[in-house]
Amino acid sequence: MDWLRKLPGYQRSAPGLEWRILRIMPTVFVAGIVLPALMAFAGRYFITAKTAEALAREIQKLDYMMLGLGLYIWSLSILVTMGCVIVWMMKGPTYVADCYDVSHSDKPKV
């Protein structure tokens, strides 16, 4: 069963910025995971404190900040990817569903 048919005479739009953004999104997604993890790992060697408790508190604070940064980059990359996919779909071919006869088509009601 053919649910949607392509509308005859449609003009497909040229690909634009959305394709360039979609191509770099996997890199952004991976970098959003790897870079905060590397910063949290490197922080264990560069953070200094007077006591062990203060050191543990500072490391834990850095871990939470890097976790928040990673989740923020993740959510932004997903949001931008969804926006690009929506634009890509809108630039695609036009589809039409089955038409339905309106009972008052010859004398429209206002």
Protein backbone atom coordinates (compact mmCIF):
# COMPACT_ATOMS: atom_id res chain seq x y z
CA MET A 1 0.00 0.00 0.00
CA ASP A 2 1.43 3.35 -1.06
CA TRP A 3 0.66 5.67 1.87
CA LEU A 4 2.46 8.73 0.58
CA ARG A 5 3.15 9.66 -3.01
CA LYS A 6 5.66 12.21 -4.23
CA LEU A 7 3.96 15.34 -5.41
CA PRO A 8 4.62 15.83 -9.13
CA GLY A 9 6.63 18.90 -10.02
CA TYR A 10 8.40 19.31 -6.68
CA GLN A 11 11.80 20.96 -6.57
CA ARG A 12 14.37 19.56 -4.23
CA SER A 13 16.44 22.18 -2.43
CA ALA A 14 20.20 22.12 -2.60
CA PRO A 15 22.07 20.77 0.43
CA GLY A 16 23.48 23.50 2.60
CA LEU A 17 25.03 24.09 5.99
CA GLU A 18 23.14 21.21 7.61
CA TRP A 19 25.25 18.61 5.78
CA ARG A 20 28.51 20.23 6.84
CA ILE A 21 27.31 20.29 10.44
CA LEU A 22 26.08 16.68 10.27
CA ARG A 23 29.49 15.54 9.04
CA ILE A 24 31.32 17.00 12.05
CA MET A 25 28.79 15.93 14.70
CA PRO A 26 30.33 12.47 15.34
CA THR A 27 33.66 14.19 16.01
CA VAL A 28 32.00 16.68 18.36
CA PHE A 29 30.17 13.85 20.12
CA VAL A 30 33.37 11.85 20.71
CA ALA A 31 35.35 14.95 21.69
CA GLY A 32 32.61 15.84 24.17
CA ILE A 33 33.26 12.54 25.92
CA VAL A 34 37.02 12.21 25.58
CA LEU A 35 38.21 15.74 26.39
CA PRO A 36 36.40 16.12 29.74
CA ALA A 37 37.55 12.61 30.69
CA LEU A 38 41.15 13.52 29.89
CA MET A 39 40.84 16.78 31.84
CA ALA A 40 39.48 14.89 34.87
CA PHE A 41 42.30 12.36 34.59
CA ALA A 42 44.95 15.10 34.23
CA GLY A 43 43.47 16.99 37.17
CA ARG A 44 44.52 14.17 39.48
CA TYR A 45 48.16 14.99 38.75
CA PHE A 46 47.98 18.79 38.80
CA ILE A 47 45.63 19.56 41.70
CA THR A 48 47.38 20.19 45.00
CA ALA A 49 45.99 20.74 48.47
CA LYS A 50 47.28 20.89 52.04
CA THR A 51 45.40 17.85 53.34
CA ALA A 52 44.22 14.60 51.81
CA GLU A 53 40.60 15.50 52.53
CA ALA A 54 40.91 18.82 50.72
CA LEU A 55 42.63 17.06 47.81
CA ALA A 56 39.83 14.49 47.57
CA ARG A 57 37.23 17.27 47.69
CA GLU A 58 38.94 19.21 44.88
CA ILE A 59 39.28 16.10 42.71
CA GLN A 60 35.64 15.22 43.28
CA LYS A 61 34.60 18.77 42.39
CA LEU A 62 36.61 18.57 39.15
CA ASP A 63 35.07 15.18 38.33
CA TYR A 64 31.56 16.56 38.76
CA MET A 65 32.38 19.62 36.66
CA MET A 66 33.77 17.45 33.86
CA LEU A 67 30.76 15.14 34.05
CA GLY A 68 28.49 18.17 33.72
CA LEU A 69 30.53 19.51 30.81
CA GLY A 70 30.39 16.14 29.05
CA LEU A 71 26.62 15.86 29.49
CA TYR A 72 26.19 19.46 28.32
CA ILE A 73 28.20 18.81 25.13
CA TRP A 74 26.29 15.54 24.60
CA SER A 75 22.91 17.21 24.87
CA LEU A 76 23.95 20.10 22.62
CA SER A 77 25.32 17.77 19.96
CA ILE A 78 22.11 15.71 20.01
CA LEU A 79 20.01 18.87 19.78
CA VAL A 80 22.01 20.26 16.85
CA THR A 81 21.91 16.89 15.09
CA MET A 82 18.13 16.71 15.44
CA GLY A 83 17.82 20.23 14.03
CA CYS A 84 19.98 19.33 11.04
CA VAL A 85 17.96 16.18 10.39
CA ILE A 86 14.72 18.19 10.49
CA VAL A 87 16.11 20.72 7.99
CA TRP A 88 17.35 17.88 5.79
CA MET A 89 13.92 16.24 5.81
CA MET A 90 12.19 19.54 5.05
CA LYS A 91 14.42 20.05 2.01
CA GLY A 92 13.50 16.59 0.69
CA PRO A 93 10.76 15.72 -1.77
CA THR A 94 7.19 16.79 -1.16
CA TYR A 95 4.73 14.03 -0.38
CA VAL A 96 0.97 14.03 -0.62
CA ALA A 97 -1.48 11.71 1.11
CA ASP A 98 -4.80 10.55 -0.30
CA CYS A 99 -7.14 13.40 -1.01
CA TYR A 100 -10.57 13.45 0.53
CA ASP A 101 -13.62 14.94 -1.16
CA VAL A 102 -15.19 17.71 0.87
CA SER A 103 -18.96 17.67 0.82
CA HIS A 104 -19.24 21.45 0.39
CA SER A 105 -16.33 21.95 -2.05
CA ASP A 106 -18.53 23.53 -4.75
CA LYS A 107 -20.12 25.96 -2.23
CA PRO A 108 -17.56 26.64 0.53
CA LYS A 109 -18.91 27.52 3.96
CA VAL A 110 -17.34 30.56 5.53
